[in-house]
Amino acid sequence: MGYLGRGRVSGLARSGMSARGWAAFAAVSVLWGIPYLFIRVAVDGGMPPIFLAWSRVTLAAVVLGAMAWRAGVLPTLRGRLRWVFVYGAIELAAPLPLIAAGERHVASSLAAIIVAAVPLIVAVLALWVEPSERVDRRRLAGLLIGFAGVIALVGIDVAGSGAELLGAGEILLAAAGYACGLLVLNRHLRNLDARATMAAALAFAAVALAPAAALSAGPRNPSAAALASLAVLVVFCTAAALLVYVLLVNEVGAGRASVINYIVPVLAVGLGVAVLGERPGAGAIAGLLLILAGSWLATDGRLPPGLDRLLSRHGGPPARDRTPESEPGMKALR
């Protein structure tokens, strides 16, 4: 459930990652790539979106809460609980049911592509909340390319259907929540133990969603496929994924681990096509490519040499003369 891309695939190769690191990387990529498929199966099978989201955060809160308690790190949250609750609300309690609700109207592959815009939203918000941030030509190019992808996606594949527009809007709101949550985490919770922060945030989200989840459960008969999908989402895509991700970050670092954010939407689109028979249109494919390219440039990427030389003629040093590590705001967005 983390969504900000910053690392480079080539960096992984150069780092000499261990077999354990590669195994964890592959596992998390799969575990975070398949939820869109199972969310779609669950909601199509009669599972209420709110109940689906509540089930995921509740079990994850129990797992991470036990880890944090055993490690004795929960007391580190004293004085920060207000921001933990804010984080839990905008990163978990709101986005998860919004994505599930949105997938009642749009394909799972489309949902994954929209969520891939999170780094773009973060890059825009960072210009407002981080005084050190500024728009250089590399970032501007990335933002323009990425948002052109969003426009292509919505304008070509979604615009003809009111229900699809509603679903895409719900998922875009979820993406905005993820982006705001990342900035709250960076500005107010950055120095806290991740296990304690996530356990408390998940617990708050579980409590916040509980009343709506209880009301939505009602006299419904979810299909066997929906119940199986719920089990997969809770056990594998939430609890196991979080545990393996902790292992991955400890093994290779957060920067390299975040390369996953470029792989997840591609895997999700592939699964939607192979398993659900979805057929992404031209807008979806163009949107995916443009959003990933824009995210790469807006957060950590580099322009192709030819384009970089072309833009350098219009003033300012080439983007390659500045490393991301020299930009305080970009270090904050890892």
C-alpha atoms as a PDB file:
ATOM      1  CA  MET A   1       0.000   0.000   0.000  1.00  0.00           C
ATOM      2  CA  GLY A   2       2.896   2.359  -0.631  1.00  0.00           C
ATOM      3  CA  TYR A   3       2.932   4.272  -3.832  1.00  0.00           C
ATOM      4  CA  LEU A   4       5.803   6.727  -4.455  1.00  0.00           C
ATOM      5  CA  GLY A   5       8.342   5.757  -7.083  1.00  0.00           C
ATOM      6  CA  ARG A   6      11.864   7.037  -6.893  1.00  0.00           C
ATOM      7  CA  GLY A   7      14.416   4.281  -7.477  1.00  0.00           C
ATOM      8  CA  ARG A   8      15.855   2.968 -10.755  1.00  0.00           C
ATOM      9  CA  VAL A   9      15.828  -0.537 -12.116  1.00  0.00           C
ATOM     10  CA  SER A  10      19.418  -0.165 -13.267  1.00  0.00           C
ATOM     11  CA  GLY A  11      20.289   0.861  -9.722  1.00  0.00           C
ATOM     12  CA  LEU A  12      18.974  -2.465  -8.510  1.00  0.00           C
ATOM     13  CA  ALA A  13      21.202  -4.293 -10.927  1.00  0.00           C
ATOM     14  CA  ARG A  14      24.262  -2.258 -10.032  1.00  0.00           C
ATOM     15  CA  SER A  15      23.640  -2.717  -6.310  1.00  0.00           C
ATOM     16  CA  GLY A  16      24.409  -6.444  -6.381  1.00  0.00           C
ATOM     17  CA  MET A  17      21.201  -7.356  -4.592  1.00  0.00           C
ATOM     18  CA  SER A  18      21.186 -10.667  -2.803  1.00  0.00           C
ATOM     19  CA  ALA A  19      18.982 -13.572  -3.834  1.00  0.00           C
ATOM     20  CA  ARG A  20      16.883 -12.844  -0.771  1.00  0.00           C
ATOM     21  CA  GLY A  21      16.471  -9.237  -1.875  1.00  0.00           C
ATOM     22  CA  TRP A  22      15.432 -10.227  -5.396  1.00  0.00           C
ATOM     23  CA  ALA A  23      12.974 -12.791  -4.026  1.00  0.00           C
ATOM     24  CA  ALA A  24      11.398 -10.190  -1.733  1.00  0.00           C
ATOM     25  CA  PHE A  25      11.277  -7.676  -4.602  1.00  0.00           C
ATOM     26  CA  ALA A  26       9.497 -10.168  -6.855  1.00  0.00           C
ATOM     27  CA  ALA A  27       7.098 -11.201  -4.094  1.00  0.00           C
ATOM     28  CA  VAL A  28       6.055  -7.639  -3.222  1.00  0.00           C
ATOM     29  CA  SER A  29       5.672  -6.738  -6.904  1.00  0.00           C
ATOM     30  CA  VAL A  30       3.217  -9.606  -7.301  1.00  0.00           C
ATOM     31  CA  LEU A  31       1.431  -9.050  -3.989  1.00  0.00           C
ATOM     32  CA  TRP A  32       0.851  -5.371  -4.796  1.00  0.00           C
ATOM     33  CA  GLY A  33       0.065  -6.034  -8.445  1.00  0.00           C
ATOM     34  CA  ILE A  34      -2.763  -8.522  -7.922  1.00  0.00           C
ATOM     35  CA  PRO A  35      -5.103  -6.606  -5.530  1.00  0.00           C
ATOM     36  CA  TYR A  36      -6.857  -4.761  -8.356  1.00  0.00           C
ATOM     37  CA  LEU A  37      -7.826  -8.091  -9.907  1.00  0.00           C
ATOM     38  CA  PHE A  38      -9.175  -9.530  -6.659  1.00  0.00           C
ATOM     39  CA  ILE A  39     -10.930  -6.292  -5.681  1.00  0.00           C
ATOM     40  CA  ARG A  40     -12.809  -6.417  -8.973  1.00  0.00           C
ATOM     41  CA  VAL A  41     -13.749 -10.074  -8.458  1.00  0.00           C
ATOM     42  CA  ALA A  42     -14.876  -9.348  -4.886  1.00  0.00           C
ATOM     43  CA  VAL A  43     -17.081  -6.351  -5.686  1.00  0.00           C
ATOM     44  CA  ASP A  44     -18.528  -8.072  -8.762  1.00  0.00           C
ATOM     45  CA  GLY A  45     -19.379 -11.021  -6.507  1.00  0.00           C
ATOM     46  CA  GLY A  46     -21.408  -8.898  -4.085  1.00  0.00           C
ATOM     47  CA  MET A  47     -18.776  -7.897  -1.515  1.00  0.00           C
ATOM     48  CA  PRO A  48     -19.513  -4.375  -0.195  1.00  0.00           C
ATOM     49  CA  PRO A  49     -16.527  -2.059  -0.841  1.00  0.00           C
ATOM     50  CA  ILE A  50     -16.529  -0.693   2.733  1.00  0.00           C
ATOM     51  CA  PHE A  51     -16.534  -4.173   4.277  1.00  0.00           C
ATOM     52  CA  LEU A  52     -13.761  -5.230   1.920  1.00  0.00           C
ATOM     53  CA  ALA A  53     -11.593  -2.264   2.958  1.00  0.00           C
ATOM     54  CA  TRP A  54     -12.349  -2.767   6.670  1.00  0.00           C
ATOM     55  CA  SER A  55     -11.357  -6.438   6.540  1.00  0.00           C
ATOM     56  CA  ARG A  56      -7.997  -5.579   4.987  1.00  0.00           C
ATOM     57  CA  VAL A  57      -7.001  -2.853   7.446  1.00  0.00           C
ATOM     58  CA  THR A  58      -8.244  -4.765  10.493  1.00  0.00           C
ATOM     59  CA  LEU A  59      -6.097  -7.839   9.939  1.00  0.00           C
ATOM     60  CA  ALA A  60      -3.119  -5.722   8.907  1.00  0.00           C
ATOM     61  CA  ALA A  61      -3.519  -3.702  12.134  1.00  0.00           C
ATOM     62  CA  VAL A  62      -3.458  -6.911  14.175  1.00  0.00           C
ATOM     63  CA  VAL A  63      -0.332  -8.221  12.411  1.00  0.00           C
ATOM     64  CA  LEU A  64       1.666  -4.994  12.541  1.00  0.00           C
ATOM     65  CA  GLY A  65       0.357  -4.140  16.002  1.00  0.00           C
ATOM     66  CA  ALA A  66       1.738  -7.426  17.309  1.00  0.00           C
ATOM     67  CA  MET A  67       5.082  -6.724  15.634  1.00  0.00           C
ATOM     68  CA  ALA A  68       5.256  -3.203  17.069  1.00  0.00           C
ATOM     69  CA  TRP A  69       4.245  -4.352  20.552  1.00  0.00           C
ATOM     70  CA  ARG A  70       6.816  -7.131  20.537  1.00  0.00           C
ATOM     71  CA  ALA A  71       9.510  -4.685  19.450  1.00  0.00           C
ATOM     72  CA  GLY A  72       8.470  -2.206  22.156  1.00  0.00           C
ATOM     73  CA  VAL A  73       8.169   0.711  19.714  1.00  0.00           C
ATOM     74  CA  LEU A  74       4.555   1.772  20.313  1.00  0.00           C
ATOM     75  CA  PRO A  75       5.530   4.340  23.027  1.00  0.00           C
ATOM     76  CA  THR A  76       7.451   6.286  20.348  1.00  0.00           C
ATOM     77  CA  LEU A  77       4.104   7.557  19.038  1.00  0.00           C
ATOM     78  CA  ARG A  78       3.490   9.766  22.087  1.00  0.00           C
ATOM     79  CA  GLY A  79       2.829  13.318  20.994  1.00  0.00           C
ATOM     80  CA  ARG A  80       2.293  12.318  17.358  1.00  0.00           C
ATOM     81  CA  LEU A  81      -1.017  10.491  17.538  1.00  0.00           C
ATOM     82  CA  ARG A  82      -2.936  13.379  15.987  1.00  0.00           C
ATOM     83  CA  TRP A  83      -0.859  13.130  12.799  1.00  0.00           C
ATOM     84  CA  VAL A  84      -1.015   9.334  12.871  1.00  0.00           C
ATOM     85  CA  PHE A  85      -4.803   9.604  12.831  1.00  0.00           C
ATOM     86  CA  VAL A  86      -4.690  12.120   9.967  1.00  0.00           C
ATOM     87  CA  TYR A  87      -2.412   9.759   8.062  1.00  0.00           C
ATOM     88  CA  GLY A  88      -4.680   6.800   8.748  1.00  0.00           C
ATOM     89  CA  ALA A  89      -7.693   8.728   7.488  1.00  0.00           C
ATOM     90  CA  ILE A  90      -6.287  10.023   4.199  1.00  0.00           C
ATOM     91  CA  GLU A  91      -3.926   7.146   3.355  1.00  0.00           C
ATOM     92  CA  LEU A  92      -6.085   4.201   4.416  1.00  0.00           C
ATOM     93  CA  ALA A  93      -9.633   4.852   5.609  1.00  0.00           C
ATOM     94  CA  ALA A  94     -10.616   6.911   2.556  1.00  0.00           C
ATOM     95  CA  PRO A  95      -8.628   5.466  -0.395  1.00  0.00           C
ATOM     96  CA  LEU A  96      -9.240   1.744   0.121  1.00  0.00           C
ATOM     97  CA  PRO A  97     -13.064   1.877  -0.013  1.00  0.00           C
ATOM     98  CA  LEU A  98     -12.903   4.484  -2.796  1.00  0.00           C
ATOM     99  CA  ILE A  99     -10.841   2.146  -4.985  1.00  0.00           C
ATOM    100  CA  ALA A 100     -13.165  -0.777  -4.270  1.00  0.00           C
ATOM    101  CA  ALA A 101     -16.202   1.397  -5.036  1.00  0.00           C
ATOM    102  CA  GLY A 102     -14.586   2.726  -8.200  1.00  0.00           C
ATOM    103  CA  GLU A 103     -13.870  -0.761  -9.477  1.00  0.00           C
ATOM    104  CA  ARG A 104     -17.602  -1.445  -9.643  1.00  0.00           C
ATOM    105  CA  HIS A 105     -17.621   0.862 -12.665  1.00  0.00           C
ATOM    106  CA  VAL A 106     -14.155   0.615 -14.243  1.00  0.00           C
ATOM    107  CA  ALA A 107     -11.822  -2.219 -15.184  1.00  0.00           C
ATOM    108  CA  SER A 108      -9.163  -3.323 -12.708  1.00  0.00           C
ATOM    109  CA  SER A 109      -6.463  -2.397 -15.231  1.00  0.00           C
ATOM    110  CA  LEU A 110      -7.852   1.131 -15.496  1.00  0.00           C
ATOM    111  CA  ALA A 111      -7.877   1.471 -11.706  1.00  0.00           C
ATOM    112  CA  ALA A 112      -4.208   0.481 -11.526  1.00  0.00           C
ATOM    113  CA  ILE A 113      -3.275   3.007 -14.211  1.00  0.00           C
ATOM    114  CA  ILE A 114      -5.066   5.844 -12.387  1.00  0.00           C
ATOM    115  CA  VAL A 115      -3.359   4.992  -9.079  1.00  0.00           C
ATOM    116  CA  ALA A 116      -0.019   5.060 -10.924  1.00  0.00           C
ATOM    117  CA  ALA A 117      -0.470   8.852 -11.061  1.00  0.00           C
ATOM    118  CA  VAL A 118       0.254   9.152  -7.307  1.00  0.00           C
ATOM    119  CA  PRO A 119       3.910  10.254  -7.804  1.00  0.00           C
ATOM    120  CA  LEU A 120       2.706  13.011 -10.126  1.00  0.00           C
ATOM    121  CA  ILE A 121       0.237  14.277  -7.530  1.00  0.00           C
ATOM    122  CA  VAL A 122       2.945  14.164  -4.869  1.00  0.00           C
ATOM    123  CA  ALA A 123       5.309  16.145  -7.100  1.00  0.00           C
ATOM    124  CA  VAL A 124       2.669  18.851  -7.570  1.00  0.00           C
ATOM    125  CA  LEU A 125       1.730  19.004  -3.877  1.00  0.00           C
ATOM    126  CA  ALA A 126       5.394  19.127  -2.881  1.00  0.00           C
ATOM    127  CA  LEU A 127       5.779  22.427  -4.739  1.00  0.00           C
ATOM    128  CA  TRP A 128       3.250  23.884  -2.329  1.00  0.00           C
ATOM    129  CA  VAL A 129       4.248  22.266   0.975  1.00  0.00           C
ATOM    130  CA  GLU A 130       8.040  22.073   0.506  1.00  0.00           C
ATOM    131  CA  PRO A 131       9.658  25.529   0.258  1.00  0.00           C
ATOM    132  CA  SER A 132      12.828  23.999  -1.204  1.00  0.00           C
ATOM    133  CA  GLU A 133      10.990  22.522  -4.182  1.00  0.00           C
ATOM    134  CA  ARG A 134      11.076  24.285  -7.516  1.00  0.00           C
ATOM    135  CA  VAL A 135       9.979  23.432 -11.034  1.00  0.00           C
ATOM    136  CA  ASP A 136      13.023  22.783 -13.199  1.00  0.00           C
ATOM    137  CA  ARG A 137      12.614  21.747 -16.809  1.00  0.00           C
ATOM    138  CA  ARG A 138      13.005  18.038 -15.993  1.00  0.00           C
ATOM    139  CA  ARG A 139      10.210  18.069 -13.439  1.00  0.00           C
ATOM    140  CA  LEU A 140       8.019  20.290 -15.591  1.00  0.00           C
ATOM    141  CA  ALA A 141       8.459  17.894 -18.503  1.00  0.00           C
ATOM    142  CA  GLY A 142       7.553  14.966 -16.258  1.00  0.00           C
ATOM    143  CA  LEU A 143       4.443  16.655 -14.898  1.00  0.00           C
ATOM    144  CA  LEU A 144       3.233  17.670 -18.349  1.00  0.00           C
ATOM    145  CA  ILE A 145       3.859  14.189 -19.767  1.00  0.00           C
ATOM    146  CA  GLY A 146       2.188  12.475 -16.820  1.00  0.00           C
ATOM    147  CA  PHE A 147      -0.902  14.620 -16.798  1.00  0.00           C
ATOM    148  CA  ALA A 148      -1.170  14.258 -20.564  1.00  0.00           C
ATOM    149  CA  GLY A 149      -1.438  10.535 -19.784  1.00  0.00           C
ATOM    150  CA  VAL A 150      -4.272  11.151 -17.323  1.00  0.00           C
ATOM    151  CA  ILE A 151      -6.074  13.280 -19.919  1.00  0.00           C
ATOM    152  CA  ALA A 152      -5.593  10.605 -22.587  1.00  0.00           C
ATOM    153  CA  LEU A 153      -6.881   7.938 -20.222  1.00  0.00           C
ATOM    154  CA  VAL A 154     -10.000   9.817 -19.135  1.00  0.00           C
ATOM    155  CA  GLY A 155     -10.671  11.606 -22.398  1.00  0.00           C
ATOM    156  CA  ILE A 156     -10.420   8.569 -24.678  1.00  0.00           C
ATOM    157  CA  ASP A 157     -11.387   5.507 -22.635  1.00  0.00           C
ATOM    158  CA  VAL A 158     -13.727   6.902 -19.976  1.00  0.00           C
ATOM    159  CA  ALA A 159     -15.428  10.054 -21.263  1.00  0.00           C
ATOM    160  CA  GLY A 160     -18.285   8.237 -23.004  1.00  0.00           C
ATOM    161  CA  SER A 161     -19.748   6.680 -19.829  1.00  0.00           C
ATOM    162  CA  GLY A 162     -21.122   8.494 -16.805  1.00  0.00           C
ATOM    163  CA  ALA A 163     -20.678   5.430 -14.580  1.00  0.00           C
ATOM    164  CA  GLU A 164     -17.060   5.009 -15.671  1.00  0.00           C
ATOM    165  CA  LEU A 165     -16.396   8.695 -15.053  1.00  0.00           C
ATOM    166  CA  LEU A 166     -17.780   8.276 -11.527  1.00  0.00           C
ATOM    167  CA  GLY A 167     -15.605   5.226 -10.906  1.00  0.00           C
ATOM    168  CA  ALA A 168     -12.496   6.916 -12.318  1.00  0.00           C
ATOM    169  CA  GLY A 169     -13.221   9.965 -10.172  1.00  0.00           C
ATOM    170  CA  GLU A 170     -13.456   7.834  -7.029  1.00  0.00           C
ATOM    171  CA  ILE A 171     -10.133   6.159  -7.795  1.00  0.00           C
ATOM    172  CA  LEU A 172      -8.494   9.495  -8.609  1.00  0.00           C
ATOM    173  CA  LEU A 173      -9.663  10.791  -5.209  1.00  0.00           C
ATOM    174  CA  ALA A 174      -8.072   7.716  -3.647  1.00  0.00           C
ATOM    175  CA  ALA A 175      -4.819   8.492  -5.478  1.00  0.00           C
ATOM    176  CA  ALA A 176      -4.952  12.054  -4.130  1.00  0.00           C
ATOM    177  CA  GLY A 177      -5.421  10.618  -0.633  1.00  0.00           C
ATOM    178  CA  TYR A 178      -2.368   8.394  -1.075  1.00  0.00           C
ATOM    179  CA  ALA A 179      -0.339  11.401  -2.207  1.00  0.00           C
ATOM    180  CA  CYS A 180      -1.443  13.584   0.721  1.00  0.00           C
ATOM    181  CA  GLY A 181      -0.745  10.728   3.118  1.00  0.00           C
ATOM    182  CA  LEU A 182       2.810  10.399   1.858  1.00  0.00           C
ATOM    183  CA  LEU A 183       3.430  14.091   2.481  1.00  0.00           C
ATOM    184  CA  VAL A 184       1.961  13.881   5.999  1.00  0.00           C
ATOM    185  CA  LEU A 185       4.167  10.860   6.670  1.00  0.00           C
ATOM    186  CA  ASN A 186       7.225  12.749   5.458  1.00  0.00           C
ATOM    187  CA  ARG A 187       6.589  16.020   7.288  1.00  0.00           C
ATOM    188  CA  HIS A 188       5.202  14.805  10.617  1.00  0.00           C
ATOM    189  CA  LEU A 189       5.939  11.096  11.097  1.00  0.00           C
ATOM    190  CA  ARG A 190       9.233  10.611   9.304  1.00  0.00           C
ATOM    191  CA  ASN A 191      11.419   9.803  12.314  1.00  0.00           C
ATOM    192  CA  LEU A 192       9.038   7.319  13.921  1.00  0.00           C
ATOM    193  CA  ASP A 193       9.302   3.558  13.745  1.00  0.00           C
ATOM    194  CA  ALA A 194       7.408   2.412  10.648  1.00  0.00           C
ATOM    195  CA  ARG A 195       5.866  -0.589  12.413  1.00  0.00           C
ATOM    196  CA  ALA A 196       4.382   1.583  15.154  1.00  0.00           C
ATOM    197  CA  THR A 197       3.175   4.257  12.728  1.00  0.00           C
ATOM    198  CA  MET A 198       1.498   1.821  10.359  1.00  0.00           C
ATOM    199  CA  ALA A 199      -0.020  -0.277  13.169  1.00  0.00           C
ATOM    200  CA  ALA A 200      -1.621   2.778  14.776  1.00  0.00           C
ATOM    201  CA  ALA A 201      -2.776   4.208  11.443  1.00  0.00           C
ATOM    202  CA  LEU A 202      -4.300   0.873  10.411  1.00  0.00           C
ATOM    203  CA  ALA A 203      -6.019   0.515  13.794  1.00  0.00           C
ATOM    204  CA  PHE A 204      -7.526   3.994  13.428  1.00  0.00           C
ATOM    205  CA  ALA A 205      -8.693   3.195   9.903  1.00  0.00           C
ATOM    206  CA  ALA A 206     -10.253  -0.057  11.132  1.00  0.00           C
ATOM    207  CA  VAL A 207     -12.171   1.774  13.884  1.00  0.00           C
ATOM    208  CA  ALA A 208     -13.221   4.552  11.491  1.00  0.00           C
ATOM    209  CA  LEU A 209     -14.542   2.090   8.903  1.00  0.00           C
ATOM    210  CA  ALA A 210     -16.185  -0.312  11.376  1.00  0.00           C
ATOM    211  CA  PRO A 211     -19.645   1.354  11.638  1.00  0.00           C
ATOM    212  CA  ALA A 212     -20.034   1.677   7.857  1.00  0.00           C
ATOM    213  CA  ALA A 213     -18.698  -1.862   7.384  1.00  0.00           C
ATOM    214  CA  ALA A 214     -21.243  -3.248   9.859  1.00  0.00           C
ATOM    215  CA  LEU A 215     -24.095  -1.426   8.126  1.00  0.00           C
ATOM    216  CA  SER A 216     -22.961  -2.479   4.651  1.00  0.00           C
ATOM    217  CA  ALA A 217     -22.643  -6.161   5.561  1.00  0.00           C
ATOM    218  CA  GLY A 218     -26.449  -6.544   5.736  1.00  0.00           C
ATOM    219  CA  PRO A 219     -28.339  -9.493   4.281  1.00  0.00           C
ATOM    220  CA  ARG A 220     -26.074 -10.121   1.306  1.00  0.00           C
ATOM    221  CA  ASN A 221     -24.849 -13.313  -0.269  1.00  0.00           C
ATOM    222  CA  PRO A 222     -21.323 -12.770  -1.634  1.00  0.00           C
ATOM    223  CA  SER A 223     -20.278 -15.415  -4.121  1.00  0.00           C
ATOM    224  CA  ALA A 224     -17.651 -18.038  -3.343  1.00  0.00           C
ATOM    225  CA  ALA A 225     -15.262 -16.191  -5.671  1.00  0.00           C
ATOM    226  CA  ALA A 226     -15.837 -12.968  -3.719  1.00  0.00           C
ATOM    227  CA  LEU A 227     -15.112 -14.684  -0.394  1.00  0.00           C
ATOM    228  CA  ALA A 228     -11.978 -16.302  -1.809  1.00  0.00           C
ATOM    229  CA  SER A 229     -10.855 -12.933  -3.171  1.00  0.00           C
ATOM    230  CA  LEU A 230     -11.398 -11.357   0.242  1.00  0.00           C
ATOM    231  CA  ALA A 231      -9.222 -14.051   1.824  1.00  0.00           C
ATOM    232  CA  VAL A 232      -6.453 -13.447  -0.729  1.00  0.00           C
ATOM    233  CA  LEU A 233      -6.631  -9.668  -0.235  1.00  0.00           C
ATOM    234  CA  VAL A 234      -6.493  -9.910   3.546  1.00  0.00           C
ATOM    235  CA  VAL A 235      -3.913 -12.666   3.987  1.00  0.00           C
ATOM    236  CA  PHE A 236      -1.601 -12.145   1.029  1.00  0.00           C
ATOM    237  CA  CYS A 237      -2.087  -8.652  -0.425  1.00  0.00           C
ATOM    238  CA  THR A 238      -2.217  -6.886   2.940  1.00  0.00           C
ATOM    239  CA  ALA A 239      -0.693  -8.799   5.869  1.00  0.00           C
ATOM    240  CA  ALA A 240       1.921 -10.841   3.954  1.00  0.00           C
ATOM    241  CA  ALA A 241       2.725  -7.968   1.588  1.00  0.00           C
ATOM    242  CA  LEU A 242       3.450  -5.601   4.477  1.00  0.00           C
ATOM    243  CA  LEU A 243       5.688  -8.135   6.191  1.00  0.00           C
ATOM    244  CA  VAL A 244       7.640  -8.918   3.007  1.00  0.00           C
ATOM    245  CA  TYR A 245       7.928  -5.219   2.206  1.00  0.00           C
ATOM    246  CA  VAL A 246       9.523  -4.580   5.604  1.00  0.00           C
ATOM    247  CA  LEU A 247      12.006  -7.350   4.791  1.00  0.00           C
ATOM    248  CA  LEU A 248      12.649  -5.828   1.350  1.00  0.00           C
ATOM    249  CA  VAL A 249      13.303  -2.328   2.702  1.00  0.00           C
ATOM    250  CA  ASN A 250      15.659  -3.738   5.321  1.00  0.00           C
ATOM    251  CA  GLU A 251      17.461  -5.713   2.620  1.00  0.00           C
ATOM    252  CA  VAL A 252      17.827  -3.121  -0.177  1.00  0.00           C
ATOM    253  CA  GLY A 253      16.671   0.235   1.216  1.00  0.00           C
ATOM    254  CA  ALA A 254      13.507   2.252   0.639  1.00  0.00           C
ATOM    255  CA  GLY A 255      14.797   4.016  -2.479  1.00  0.00           C
ATOM    256  CA  ARG A 256      15.523   0.827  -4.420  1.00  0.00           C
ATOM    257  CA  ALA A 257      12.398  -0.866  -3.089  1.00  0.00           C
ATOM    258  CA  SER A 258      10.235   1.901  -4.552  1.00  0.00           C
ATOM    259  CA  VAL A 259      11.041   0.715  -8.096  1.00  0.00           C
ATOM    260  CA  ILE A 260       8.048  -1.569  -7.473  1.00  0.00           C
ATOM    261  CA  ASN A 261       5.763   1.382  -8.162  1.00  0.00           C
ATOM    262  CA  TYR A 262       6.701   1.216 -11.853  1.00  0.00           C
ATOM    263  CA  ILE A 263       6.047  -2.524 -12.072  1.00  0.00           C
ATOM    264  CA  VAL A 264       2.735  -2.807 -10.216  1.00  0.00           C
ATOM    265  CA  PRO A 265       0.488  -1.071 -12.803  1.00  0.00           C
ATOM    266  CA  VAL A 266       2.016  -3.043 -15.676  1.00  0.00           C
ATOM    267  CA  LEU A 267       1.412  -6.314 -13.819  1.00  0.00           C
ATOM    268  CA  ALA A 268      -2.112  -5.250 -12.871  1.00  0.00           C
ATOM    269  CA  VAL A 269      -2.963  -4.427 -16.483  1.00  0.00           C
ATOM    270  CA  GLY A 270      -1.551  -7.772 -17.635  1.00  0.00           C
ATOM    271  CA  LEU A 271      -3.620  -9.675 -15.080  1.00  0.00           C
ATOM    272  CA  GLY A 272      -6.763  -7.786 -16.007  1.00  0.00           C
ATOM    273  CA  VAL A 273      -6.271  -8.777 -19.635  1.00  0.00           C
ATOM    274  CA  ALA A 274      -5.227 -12.391 -19.003  1.00  0.00           C
ATOM    275  CA  VAL A 275      -7.657 -13.327 -16.216  1.00  0.00           C
ATOM    276  CA  LEU A 276     -10.666 -11.033 -16.552  1.00  0.00           C
ATOM    277  CA  GLY A 277     -10.567 -10.642 -20.306  1.00  0.00           C
ATOM    278  CA  GLU A 278     -10.311  -6.855 -20.066  1.00  0.00           C
ATOM    279  CA  ARG A 279      -9.351  -5.011 -23.214  1.00  0.00           C
ATOM    280  CA  PRO A 280      -7.669  -1.709 -22.393  1.00  0.00           C
ATOM    281  CA  GLY A 281      -8.268   0.816 -25.149  1.00  0.00           C
ATOM    282  CA  ALA A 282      -5.784   3.083 -26.863  1.00  0.00           C
ATOM    283  CA  GLY A 283      -6.314   5.741 -24.196  1.00  0.00           C
ATOM    284  CA  ALA A 284      -5.485   3.309 -21.397  1.00  0.00           C
ATOM    285  CA  ILE A 285      -2.272   2.098 -23.030  1.00  0.00           C
ATOM    286  CA  ALA A 286      -1.166   5.629 -23.944  1.00  0.00           C
ATOM    287  CA  GLY A 287      -2.119   6.830 -20.477  1.00  0.00           C
ATOM    288  CA  LEU A 288      -0.127   4.078 -18.766  1.00  0.00           C
ATOM    289  CA  LEU A 289       3.025   4.795 -20.756  1.00  0.00           C
ATOM    290  CA  LEU A 290       2.765   8.566 -20.333  1.00  0.00           C
ATOM    291  CA  ILE A 291       1.973   8.376 -16.614  1.00  0.00           C
ATOM    292  CA  LEU A 292       4.924   6.058 -15.908  1.00  0.00           C
ATOM    293  CA  ALA A 293       7.278   8.205 -18.009  1.00  0.00           C
ATOM    294  CA  GLY A 294       6.039  11.363 -16.348  1.00  0.00           C
ATOM    295  CA  SER A 295       6.382   9.878 -12.862  1.00  0.00           C
ATOM    296  CA  TRP A 296       9.924   8.787 -13.671  1.00  0.00           C
ATOM    297  CA  LEU A 297      10.920  12.286 -14.748  1.00  0.00           C
ATOM    298  CA  ALA A 298       8.985  14.198 -12.092  1.00  0.00           C
ATOM    299  CA  THR A 299      10.439  12.249  -9.163  1.00  0.00           C
ATOM    300  CA  ASP A 300      13.873  10.893 -10.036  1.00  0.00           C
ATOM    301  CA  GLY A 301      14.308  10.262 -13.734  1.00  0.00           C
ATOM    302  CA  ARG A 302      16.435  11.959 -16.339  1.00  0.00           C
ATOM    303  CA  LEU A 303      15.490  13.252 -19.734  1.00  0.00           C
ATOM    304  CA  PRO A 304      16.822  11.402 -22.775  1.00  0.00           C
ATOM    305  CA  PRO A 305      20.123  13.049 -23.840  1.00  0.00           C
ATOM    306  CA  GLY A 306      18.677  14.537 -27.038  1.00  0.00           C
ATOM    307  CA  LEU A 307      15.688  16.110 -25.283  1.00  0.00           C
ATOM    308  CA  ASP A 308      17.887  17.254 -22.407  1.00  0.00           C
ATOM    309  CA  ARG A 309      20.232  19.055 -24.834  1.00  0.00           C
ATOM    310  CA  LEU A 310      17.277  20.607 -26.617  1.00  0.00           C
ATOM    311  CA  LEU A 311      15.794  21.984 -23.408  1.00  0.00           C
ATOM    312  CA  SER A 312      19.208  23.141 -22.113  1.00  0.00           C
ATOM    313  CA  ARG A 313      19.395  25.603 -25.000  1.00  0.00           C
ATOM    314  CA  HIS A 314      16.616  27.560 -23.370  1.00  0.00           C
ATOM    315  CA  GLY A 315      18.518  28.269 -20.198  1.00  0.00           C
ATOM    316  CA  GLY A 316      19.642  26.549 -17.035  1.00  0.00           C
ATOM    317  CA  PRO A 317      22.110  23.716 -16.486  1.00  0.00           C
ATOM    318  CA  PRO A 318      21.335  20.279 -17.907  1.00  0.00           C
ATOM    319  CA  ALA A 319      19.294  18.100 -15.580  1.00  0.00           C
ATOM    320  CA  ARG A 320      22.096  15.557 -15.379  1.00  0.00           C
ATOM    321  CA  ASP A 321      24.343  18.115 -13.682  1.00  0.00           C
ATOM    322  CA  ARG A 322      22.218  17.882 -10.594  1.00  0.00           C
ATOM    323  CA  THR A 323      21.754  14.686  -8.650  1.00  0.00           C
ATOM    324  CA  PRO A 324      18.462  14.039  -6.874  1.00  0.00           C
ATOM    325  CA  GLU A 325      20.341  13.670  -3.644  1.00  0.00           C
ATOM    326  CA  SER A 326      21.349  17.331  -3.840  1.00  0.00           C
ATOM    327  CA  GLU A 327      17.702  18.394  -3.775  1.00  0.00           C
ATOM    328  CA  PRO A 328      16.350  18.358  -0.204  1.00  0.00           C
ATOM    329  CA  GLY A 329      12.750  18.106  -1.357  1.00  0.00           C
ATOM    330  CA  MET A 330      13.463  15.115  -3.527  1.00  0.00           C
ATOM    331  CA  LYS A 331      15.202  13.300  -0.703  1.00  0.00           C
ATOM    332  CA  ALA A 332      12.039  13.913   1.306  1.00  0.00           C
ATOM    333  CA  LEU A 333       9.949  12.187  -1.345  1.00  0.00           C
ATOM    334  CA  ARG A 334      11.610   8.804  -1.126  1.00  0.00           C
END
